[in-house]
N, C-alpha and C. Protein backbone atom coordinates (compact mmCIF):
# COMPACT_ATOMS: atom_id res chain seq x y z
N MET A 1 -19.25 -57.26 8.19
CA MET A 1 -17.96 -57.01 8.42
C MET A 1 -17.30 -55.94 7.63
N LYS A 2 -17.53 -56.22 6.23
CA LYS A 2 -16.88 -55.11 5.39
C LYS A 2 -17.77 -53.83 5.40
N LYS A 3 -19.10 -53.93 5.66
CA LYS A 3 -19.65 -52.74 5.76
C LYS A 3 -19.50 -51.70 6.93
N MET A 4 -19.19 -52.56 7.94
CA MET A 4 -18.76 -51.98 9.20
C MET A 4 -17.38 -51.34 8.87
N PHE A 5 -16.47 -51.80 8.37
CA PHE A 5 -15.01 -51.36 8.22
C PHE A 5 -15.06 -50.25 7.22
N SER A 6 -15.96 -50.10 6.20
CA SER A 6 -16.22 -48.97 5.33
C SER A 6 -16.90 -47.77 6.00
N ALA A 7 -17.71 -48.04 6.96
CA ALA A 7 -18.51 -46.85 7.66
C ALA A 7 -17.39 -46.30 8.56
N ILE A 8 -16.54 -47.15 9.21
CA ILE A 8 -15.58 -46.58 10.14
C ILE A 8 -14.33 -45.90 9.30
N ALA A 9 -13.89 -46.36 8.17
CA ALA A 9 -13.07 -45.55 7.35
C ALA A 9 -13.95 -44.43 6.84
N GLY A 10 -15.03 -44.37 6.28
CA GLY A 10 -15.65 -43.13 6.04
C GLY A 10 -15.68 -42.00 7.03
N ALA A 11 -15.95 -42.49 8.24
CA ALA A 11 -15.88 -41.63 9.41
C ALA A 11 -14.51 -41.04 9.65
N PHE A 12 -13.62 -41.84 9.35
CA PHE A 12 -12.25 -41.53 9.64
C PHE A 12 -11.86 -40.30 8.76
N PHE A 13 -12.00 -40.69 7.51
CA PHE A 13 -11.60 -39.66 6.39
C PHE A 13 -12.30 -38.41 6.45
N TRP A 14 -13.84 -38.43 6.90
CA TRP A 14 -14.32 -37.14 7.33
C TRP A 14 -14.02 -36.46 8.32
N LEU A 15 -13.46 -36.99 9.42
CA LEU A 15 -12.86 -36.26 10.37
C LEU A 15 -11.40 -35.77 10.01
N ILE A 16 -10.79 -36.43 9.37
CA ILE A 16 -9.43 -35.70 8.49
C ILE A 16 -9.83 -34.55 7.80
N GLY A 17 -10.87 -34.77 6.65
CA GLY A 17 -11.36 -33.52 5.98
C GLY A 17 -11.63 -32.34 7.10
N GLN A 18 -12.39 -32.62 7.83
CA GLN A 18 -12.78 -31.55 8.74
C GLN A 18 -11.66 -30.76 9.70
N LYS A 19 -10.57 -31.74 9.83
CA LYS A 19 -9.54 -30.94 10.56
C LYS A 19 -8.74 -30.19 9.38
N LYS A 20 -8.63 -30.80 8.22
CA LYS A 20 -8.11 -29.73 7.09
C LYS A 20 -8.68 -28.69 6.82
N LYS A 21 -9.93 -28.64 6.71
CA LYS A 21 -10.97 -27.46 6.53
C LYS A 21 -10.62 -26.64 7.54
N ARG A 22 -10.52 -26.86 9.14
CA ARG A 22 -10.56 -26.12 9.88
C ARG A 22 -9.11 -25.26 9.99
N GLN A 23 -8.18 -26.04 9.50
CA GLN A 23 -6.60 -25.40 9.34
C GLN A 23 -6.82 -24.44 8.47
N PHE A 24 -7.40 -24.87 7.16
CA PHE A 24 -7.46 -23.72 5.97
C PHE A 24 -8.00 -22.35 6.38
N GLU A 25 -9.09 -22.80 7.10
CA GLU A 25 -10.00 -21.42 7.75
C GLU A 25 -9.15 -20.67 8.61
N THR A 26 -8.20 -21.32 9.34
CA THR A 26 -7.57 -20.69 10.22
C THR A 26 -6.19 -19.56 9.40
N PHE A 27 -5.69 -20.43 8.48
CA PHE A 27 -4.75 -19.94 7.79
C PHE A 27 -5.48 -18.87 6.91
N GLU A 28 -6.62 -18.73 6.38
CA GLU A 28 -7.23 -17.72 5.62
C GLU A 28 -7.27 -16.50 6.50
N LYS A 29 -7.85 -16.90 7.77
CA LYS A 29 -8.09 -15.63 8.57
C LYS A 29 -6.75 -14.94 8.91
N GLN A 30 -5.73 -15.74 9.10
CA GLN A 30 -4.37 -14.98 9.23
C GLN A 30 -3.91 -14.27 8.12
N LEU A 31 -4.29 -14.94 6.95
CA LEU A 31 -3.77 -14.33 5.59
C LEU A 31 -4.64 -12.73 5.52
N LYS A 32 -5.82 -12.79 5.69
CA LYS A 32 -6.73 -11.93 5.60
C LYS A 32 -6.21 -10.68 6.59
N ALA A 33 -5.87 -11.18 7.99
CA ALA A 33 -5.35 -10.11 8.75
C ALA A 33 -4.23 -9.53 8.44
N ALA A 34 -3.26 -10.14 7.77
CA ALA A 34 -1.89 -9.74 7.48
C ALA A 34 -2.23 -8.60 6.20
N HIS A 35 -3.00 -9.18 5.39
CA HIS A 35 -3.21 -8.46 4.02
C HIS A 35 -3.83 -6.97 4.36
N ILE A 36 -4.88 -7.04 5.35
CA ILE A 36 -5.43 -5.78 6.04
C ILE A 36 -4.34 -4.89 6.61
N LYS A 37 -3.22 -5.34 7.38
CA LYS A 37 -2.33 -4.67 8.11
C LYS A 37 -1.33 -4.12 7.04
N GLN A 38 -1.11 -4.75 5.96
CA GLN A 38 -0.01 -4.38 4.98
C GLN A 38 -0.68 -3.37 4.31
N GLN A 39 -2.06 -3.23 3.97
CA GLN A 39 -2.71 -2.26 3.02
C GLN A 39 -2.69 -1.10 4.07
N SER A 40 -3.09 -1.19 5.24
CA SER A 40 -3.06 0.01 6.24
C SER A 40 -1.69 0.70 6.20
N GLU A 41 -0.44 -0.05 6.41
CA GLU A 41 0.86 0.25 6.30
C GLU A 41 1.00 1.18 4.91
N ARG A 42 0.75 0.49 3.99
CA ARG A 42 0.94 1.21 2.80
C ARG A 42 0.15 2.42 2.54
N GLU A 43 -0.89 2.79 3.12
CA GLU A 43 -1.77 3.88 3.15
C GLU A 43 -1.12 4.79 3.87
N VAL A 44 -0.46 4.40 5.11
CA VAL A 44 0.23 5.39 5.93
C VAL A 44 1.51 6.00 5.35
N GLU A 45 2.29 5.10 4.96
CA GLU A 45 3.59 5.27 4.15
C GLU A 45 3.14 6.42 3.10
N GLN A 46 2.12 6.14 2.29
CA GLN A 46 1.80 7.03 1.28
C GLN A 46 1.47 8.47 1.61
N ILE A 47 0.65 8.48 2.67
CA ILE A 47 0.29 9.78 3.23
C ILE A 47 1.46 10.62 3.78
N VAL A 48 2.54 9.91 4.56
CA VAL A 48 3.59 10.46 4.99
C VAL A 48 4.47 10.82 4.02
N LEU A 49 4.59 10.13 2.97
CA LEU A 49 5.23 10.52 1.78
C LEU A 49 4.77 11.59 1.05
N LYS A 50 3.75 11.57 0.98
CA LYS A 50 3.01 12.82 0.34
C LYS A 50 3.27 14.16 1.20
N TYR A 51 3.15 13.95 2.44
CA TYR A 51 3.30 15.26 3.20
C TYR A 51 4.77 15.57 3.10
N LYS A 52 5.96 14.63 2.89
CA LYS A 52 7.30 14.99 3.12
C LYS A 52 7.58 16.06 1.52
N ILE A 53 6.69 15.24 0.60
CA ILE A 53 7.05 16.05 -0.78
C ILE A 53 6.49 17.33 -0.79
N THR A 54 5.26 17.51 -0.13
CA THR A 54 4.60 18.82 -0.32
C THR A 54 5.52 19.85 0.67
N LYS A 55 5.82 19.37 1.90
CA LYS A 55 6.83 20.10 2.65
C LYS A 55 8.15 20.48 1.93
N HIS A 56 8.59 19.59 1.24
CA HIS A 56 9.94 19.88 0.37
C HIS A 56 9.63 20.90 -0.74
N LEU A 57 8.55 20.65 -1.21
CA LEU A 57 8.19 21.66 -2.20
C LEU A 57 8.01 23.24 -1.64
N TYR A 58 7.57 23.29 -0.58
CA TYR A 58 7.38 24.75 -0.02
C TYR A 58 8.52 25.20 0.36
N THR A 59 9.58 24.23 0.89
CA THR A 59 10.81 24.97 1.33
C THR A 59 11.67 25.00 0.12
N PHE A 60 11.65 24.44 -0.64
CA PHE A 60 12.39 24.53 -2.21
C PHE A 60 11.92 25.65 -3.02
N LEU A 61 10.49 25.85 -2.85
CA LEU A 61 10.36 27.16 -3.61
C LEU A 61 10.06 28.49 -2.78
N GLY A 62 10.48 28.20 -1.50
CA GLY A 62 10.48 29.45 -0.57
C GLY A 62 8.93 29.87 -0.19
N ILE A 63 7.97 29.21 -0.22
CA ILE A 63 6.65 29.67 0.02
C ILE A 63 6.65 29.75 1.59
N LYS A 64 6.02 30.85 2.30
CA LYS A 64 5.76 30.91 3.39
C LYS A 64 4.18 30.66 3.88
N GLY A 65 3.36 30.96 3.03
CA GLY A 65 1.93 30.81 3.38
C GLY A 65 1.25 29.48 2.57
N HIS A 66 0.11 29.33 2.79
CA HIS A 66 -0.42 28.11 2.03
C HIS A 66 -1.76 28.80 1.14
N SER A 67 -1.32 29.53 0.04
CA SER A 67 -1.96 29.99 -1.01
C SER A 67 -2.38 28.92 -2.01
N LYS A 68 -3.62 29.00 -2.64
CA LYS A 68 -3.92 28.30 -3.61
C LYS A 68 -3.26 28.73 -4.98
N PHE A 69 -2.92 29.84 -5.08
CA PHE A 69 -2.15 30.33 -6.17
C PHE A 69 -0.83 30.49 -6.03
N ILE A 70 -0.20 29.57 -6.72
CA ILE A 70 1.38 29.71 -6.48
C ILE A 70 2.01 29.87 -8.10
N PRO A 71 2.35 31.11 -8.19
CA PRO A 71 2.74 31.34 -9.77
C PRO A 71 4.17 30.78 -9.86
N LEU A 72 3.89 29.80 -10.78
CA LEU A 72 5.16 28.94 -11.32
C LEU A 72 5.34 29.05 -12.70
N HIS A 73 6.71 29.00 -13.20
CA HIS A 73 6.92 29.09 -14.60
C HIS A 73 7.22 27.90 -15.23
N ILE A 74 7.34 27.40 -16.17
CA ILE A 74 7.70 26.11 -16.72
C ILE A 74 9.00 25.58 -16.28
N LYS A 75 9.86 26.45 -16.24
CA LYS A 75 11.24 26.28 -15.79
C LYS A 75 11.52 25.88 -14.21
N ASN A 76 10.59 26.36 -13.56
CA ASN A 76 10.58 25.99 -12.11
C ASN A 76 9.96 24.90 -12.05
N LYS A 77 8.98 24.65 -12.72
CA LYS A 77 8.23 23.38 -12.33
C LYS A 77 9.04 22.12 -12.87
N GLU A 78 9.78 22.31 -14.12
CA GLU A 78 10.69 21.18 -14.34
C GLU A 78 11.77 21.12 -13.49
N LYS A 79 12.27 22.06 -12.92
CA LYS A 79 13.47 22.19 -11.91
C LYS A 79 12.78 21.37 -10.49
N CYS A 80 11.76 21.85 -10.29
CA CYS A 80 10.97 21.20 -8.96
C CYS A 80 10.95 19.75 -9.25
N ARG A 81 10.39 19.42 -10.43
CA ARG A 81 9.94 18.11 -10.46
C ARG A 81 11.38 17.20 -10.47
N LYS A 82 12.35 17.88 -10.88
CA LYS A 82 13.68 16.98 -10.83
C LYS A 82 14.11 16.58 -9.69
N GLU A 83 14.16 17.69 -8.98
CA GLU A 83 14.47 18.13 -7.50
C GLU A 83 13.73 16.87 -6.75
N VAL A 84 12.35 16.67 -6.95
CA VAL A 84 11.56 15.73 -6.12
C VAL A 84 11.78 14.45 -6.59
N LEU A 85 12.08 14.31 -7.98
CA LEU A 85 12.24 12.99 -8.25
C LEU A 85 13.60 12.37 -7.65
N ALA A 86 14.51 13.45 -7.93
CA ALA A 86 16.09 13.03 -7.12
C ALA A 86 15.82 12.58 -5.83
N LYS A 87 15.11 13.20 -5.04
CA LYS A 87 15.14 13.16 -3.57
C LYS A 87 14.26 11.88 -3.42
N PHE A 88 12.95 11.96 -3.68
CA PHE A 88 11.95 10.90 -3.27
C PHE A 88 11.67 9.84 -4.40
N GLY A 89 12.48 9.70 -5.40
CA GLY A 89 12.08 8.89 -6.42
C GLY A 89 11.76 7.49 -6.25
N ARG A 90 12.63 6.76 -5.29
CA ARG A 90 12.65 5.36 -5.13
C ARG A 90 11.64 5.39 -4.27
N ASP A 91 11.10 5.99 -3.25
CA ASP A 91 10.32 5.82 -2.48
C ASP A 91 8.74 6.14 -3.12
N MET A 92 8.85 7.04 -4.01
CA MET A 92 7.55 7.13 -4.95
C MET A 92 7.22 6.03 -5.57
N ASP A 93 8.20 5.19 -6.37
CA ASP A 93 8.01 4.04 -6.95
C ASP A 93 7.53 3.00 -5.78
N LYS A 94 8.16 2.86 -5.06
CA LYS A 94 7.92 1.90 -3.91
C LYS A 94 6.44 1.80 -3.52
N TRP A 95 5.97 3.33 -3.06
CA TRP A 95 4.63 3.15 -2.43
C TRP A 95 3.53 3.70 -3.29
N GLY A 96 3.93 4.03 -4.63
CA GLY A 96 2.85 4.23 -5.63
C GLY A 96 2.34 5.57 -5.74
N VAL A 97 3.18 6.65 -5.41
CA VAL A 97 2.96 8.06 -5.24
C VAL A 97 3.45 8.66 -6.77
N ILE A 98 2.67 9.53 -7.18
CA ILE A 98 3.36 10.03 -8.55
C ILE A 98 3.01 11.59 -8.34
N LEU A 99 3.93 12.28 -8.97
CA LEU A 99 3.54 13.90 -9.20
C LEU A 99 3.33 14.40 -10.57
N ASN A 100 2.26 15.09 -10.40
CA ASN A 100 1.41 15.45 -11.67
C ASN A 100 2.03 16.50 -12.47
N ASP A 101 1.59 17.13 -13.53
CA ASP A 101 2.40 18.29 -14.17
C ASP A 101 2.08 19.37 -13.51
N ASP A 102 1.31 19.76 -13.05
CA ASP A 102 1.07 21.13 -12.11
C ASP A 102 1.47 20.65 -10.40
N LEU A 103 2.50 19.86 -10.49
CA LEU A 103 3.13 19.60 -9.11
C LEU A 103 2.34 19.30 -7.96
N SER A 104 1.26 18.58 -8.35
CA SER A 104 0.53 17.99 -7.28
C SER A 104 0.63 16.46 -7.03
N VAL A 105 0.59 16.35 -5.74
CA VAL A 105 1.16 14.56 -5.44
C VAL A 105 -0.10 13.97 -5.41
N CYS A 106 -0.24 12.80 -6.15
CA CYS A 106 -1.24 11.91 -6.22
C CYS A 106 -0.87 10.35 -5.84
N ILE A 107 -1.68 9.52 -5.51
CA ILE A 107 -1.56 8.01 -5.11
C ILE A 107 -2.26 7.31 -6.31
N ARG A 108 -1.26 6.57 -6.66
CA ARG A 108 -1.71 5.39 -7.72
C ARG A 108 -2.84 4.54 -7.15
């Protein structure tokens, strides 16, 4: 009788363990999907912010074309950097976007 009771109890506890294992697997799948979605949203926001900053720099400096050589003086660079940080500073910190010394926008 005692062996039979322990066998039934063992099977019962094994079933409970399997149920919990299945629950954890579903939670893990949901968390992975949420993490992937969050990462993709972050990347999209970084690209949008990068585009906004570049567009703002072109309008602020009065550049009409897309040339590789933009003659800037140090005073202009500092002024542009302050302007961009004042306008986009919070979003840059939030999404991990930085502005280099040569006014190129990079992602951390």
